[in-house]
Amino acid sequence: MLVEEKIKELGYELKEAPKPLASYIPATRTGNLVFTAGQIPMMDGKLVYEGKVGSNLTLDEGKKAAEICAVNCLNVIKSEIGNLDNIEKIIKVTVFVNSAEGFTDQPKVANGASDFLVNAFGETGKHVRSAVGTNELPVNVPVEVEMIVSVK
């Protein structure tokens, strides 16, 4: 099954890559690696979630926000390589979590992105990961995700 068909089965349709919020490019390719800038939980030009996980957002909402961020990473990767079936391996995912004081379940929030990628790509989607708690993120988003992939 094609990756984009699987993503559609998971409830998402890939669209145009989100526009950067500041002075940077959304993705860059060097050799067979593509690096994304941090992607936030936006859909159709609007933030889907705002706030801190463990305060005004639940763990499940944080996981869903991470999943949307992963979709946006794939959107920017697609804009760089043309077809997601050209992804050889999801190598690394970094997840930043806007965390309430005392919130320590950043790895569980990051599972939202990780589980989505494995469901979409199978073995190719298994990756190394960092889950980092932070006290603030740009425009008060709860999660930001960046990704490194190798391409064929």
Protein backbone atom coordinates (compact mmCIF):
# COMPACT_ATOMS: atom_id res chain seq x y z
CA MET A 1 0.00 0.00 0.00
CA LEU A 2 1.24 3.48 -0.81
CA VAL A 3 2.19 5.60 2.20
CA GLU A 4 -0.23 8.41 1.35
CA GLU A 5 -3.11 5.90 1.13
CA LYS A 6 -2.18 4.58 4.57
CA ILE A 7 -2.05 8.14 5.94
CA LYS A 8 -5.52 8.75 4.52
CA GLU A 9 -6.74 5.57 6.28
CA LEU A 10 -5.33 7.05 9.50
CA GLY A 11 -7.54 10.11 9.02
CA TYR A 12 -5.25 12.65 7.35
CA GLU A 13 -4.87 14.06 3.91
CA LEU A 14 -1.52 15.53 3.00
CA LYS A 15 -1.79 19.11 1.86
CA GLU A 16 0.49 21.99 1.03
CA ALA A 17 3.30 22.38 3.53
CA PRO A 18 2.56 24.87 6.31
CA LYS A 19 4.21 28.26 5.86
CA PRO A 20 7.08 29.06 8.25
CA LEU A 21 6.24 31.42 11.13
CA ALA A 22 9.62 33.19 10.90
CA SER A 23 12.82 33.43 8.81
CA TYR A 24 13.63 29.81 7.98
CA ILE A 25 12.82 27.16 5.40
CA PRO A 26 10.55 24.23 6.31
CA ALA A 27 12.89 21.47 5.08
CA THR A 28 16.26 20.99 3.48
CA ARG A 29 17.88 18.07 1.74
CA THR A 30 21.54 17.19 1.86
CA GLY A 31 22.52 14.02 0.03
CA ASN A 32 19.96 11.37 0.92
CA LEU A 33 18.86 13.08 4.16
CA VAL A 34 15.96 15.48 4.63
CA PHE A 35 15.79 17.60 7.79
CA THR A 36 12.58 19.39 8.76
CA ALA A 37 12.22 22.54 10.76
CA GLY A 38 10.04 22.21 13.83
CA GLN A 39 6.40 21.76 12.86
CA ILE A 40 3.47 22.77 15.02
CA PRO A 41 -0.14 21.47 15.25
CA MET A 42 -1.68 23.51 12.45
CA MET A 43 -4.33 22.35 10.00
CA ASP A 44 -5.70 24.47 7.18
CA GLY A 45 -3.72 27.47 8.42
CA LYS A 46 -5.14 27.35 11.96
CA LEU A 47 -3.72 26.15 15.24
CA VAL A 48 -5.58 23.07 16.40
CA TYR A 49 -4.21 23.12 19.97
CA GLU A 50 -2.77 25.83 22.21
CA GLY A 51 -1.44 25.74 25.75
CA LYS A 52 0.49 23.54 28.13
CA VAL A 53 0.18 19.80 28.38
CA GLY A 54 -0.64 18.84 31.95
CA SER A 55 -2.38 22.16 32.60
CA ASN A 56 -5.06 23.25 30.13
CA LEU A 57 -4.44 20.27 27.80
CA THR A 58 -4.68 16.58 28.64
CA LEU A 59 -2.09 13.95 27.83
CA ASP A 60 -4.36 12.64 25.04
CA GLU A 61 -4.68 16.13 23.54
CA GLY A 62 -0.89 16.45 23.66
CA LYS A 63 -0.53 13.11 21.85
CA LYS A 64 -3.00 14.23 19.17
CA ALA A 65 -1.09 17.52 18.78
CA ALA A 66 2.15 15.54 18.31
CA GLU A 67 0.46 13.41 15.66
CA ILE A 68 -0.65 16.52 13.73
CA CYS A 69 2.91 17.87 13.98
CA ALA A 70 4.21 14.62 12.46
CA VAL A 71 1.73 14.96 9.59
CA ASN A 72 3.05 18.48 9.00
CA CYS A 73 6.62 17.15 8.97
CA LEU A 74 5.54 14.74 6.25
CA ASN A 75 3.91 17.61 4.35
CA VAL A 76 7.19 19.54 4.27
CA ILE A 77 9.18 16.42 3.41
CA LYS A 78 6.80 15.75 0.53
CA SER A 79 7.34 19.30 -0.73
CA GLU A 80 11.08 18.52 -0.79
CA ILE A 81 11.05 15.00 -2.33
CA GLY A 82 7.74 14.83 -4.22
CA ASN A 83 6.54 11.40 -3.06
CA LEU A 84 6.57 9.95 0.45
CA ASP A 85 7.16 6.48 -0.98
CA ASN A 86 10.71 7.74 -1.60
CA ILE A 87 11.35 7.73 2.16
CA GLU A 88 13.77 4.94 2.93
CA LYS A 89 13.75 5.38 6.73
CA ILE A 90 12.43 7.73 9.39
CA ILE A 91 15.71 8.22 11.25
CA LYS A 92 15.06 10.63 14.12
CA VAL A 93 12.12 12.46 15.62
CA THR A 94 12.52 15.24 18.18
CA VAL A 95 9.45 16.27 20.14
CA PHE A 96 9.30 19.43 22.25
CA VAL A 97 6.44 19.54 24.77
CA ASN A 98 5.16 22.79 26.31
CA SER A 99 4.87 21.30 29.78
CA ALA A 100 3.05 22.43 32.89
CA GLU A 101 5.18 22.54 36.02
CA GLY A 102 5.64 18.99 37.30
CA PHE A 103 4.51 17.36 34.03
CA THR A 104 6.90 14.50 33.23
CA ASP A 105 5.06 12.44 30.60
CA GLN A 106 6.82 13.98 27.58
CA PRO A 107 7.65 10.49 26.21
CA LYS A 108 3.93 9.60 26.25
CA VAL A 109 3.10 12.82 24.37
CA ALA A 110 5.83 12.00 21.84
CA ASN A 111 4.21 8.59 21.29
CA GLY A 112 1.49 10.45 19.39
CA ALA A 113 4.02 11.23 16.64
CA SER A 114 5.94 7.95 16.91
CA ASP A 115 2.92 5.66 16.83
CA PHE A 116 1.47 7.55 13.85
CA LEU A 117 4.74 7.17 11.90
CA VAL A 118 4.97 3.44 12.60
CA ASN A 119 1.31 2.98 11.64
CA ALA A 120 1.89 4.88 8.39
CA PHE A 121 5.29 3.44 7.40
CA GLY A 122 5.62 0.11 9.22
CA GLU A 123 9.25 -0.89 9.87
CA THR A 124 10.45 2.14 7.87
CA GLY A 125 8.74 4.37 10.44
CA LYS A 126 10.64 3.04 13.47
CA HIS A 127 13.08 5.72 14.64
CA VAL A 128 15.23 7.07 17.42
CA ARG A 129 13.66 9.90 19.37
CA SER A 130 14.09 12.65 21.91
CA ALA A 131 11.17 13.97 23.97
CA VAL A 132 11.99 17.28 25.61
CA GLY A 133 9.91 19.22 28.12
CA THR A 134 10.02 23.00 27.84
CA ASN A 135 8.29 25.84 29.67
CA GLU A 136 7.17 27.67 26.49
CA LEU A 137 6.92 27.14 22.73
CA PRO A 138 6.28 29.64 19.91
CA VAL A 139 2.72 31.00 19.67
CA ASN A 140 1.79 28.97 22.76
CA VAL A 141 1.64 25.62 20.93
CA PRO A 142 1.71 22.51 23.13
CA VAL A 143 4.02 20.48 20.88
CA GLU A 144 6.62 21.02 18.17
CA VAL A 145 8.13 18.14 16.18
CA GLU A 146 11.13 17.93 13.87
CA MET A 147 12.23 14.97 11.83
CA ILE A 148 15.19 13.56 9.91
CA VAL A 149 14.54 11.00 7.15
CA SER A 150 16.66 9.21 4.58
CA VAL A 151 15.38 9.01 1.02
CA LYS A 152 15.98 6.61 -1.85
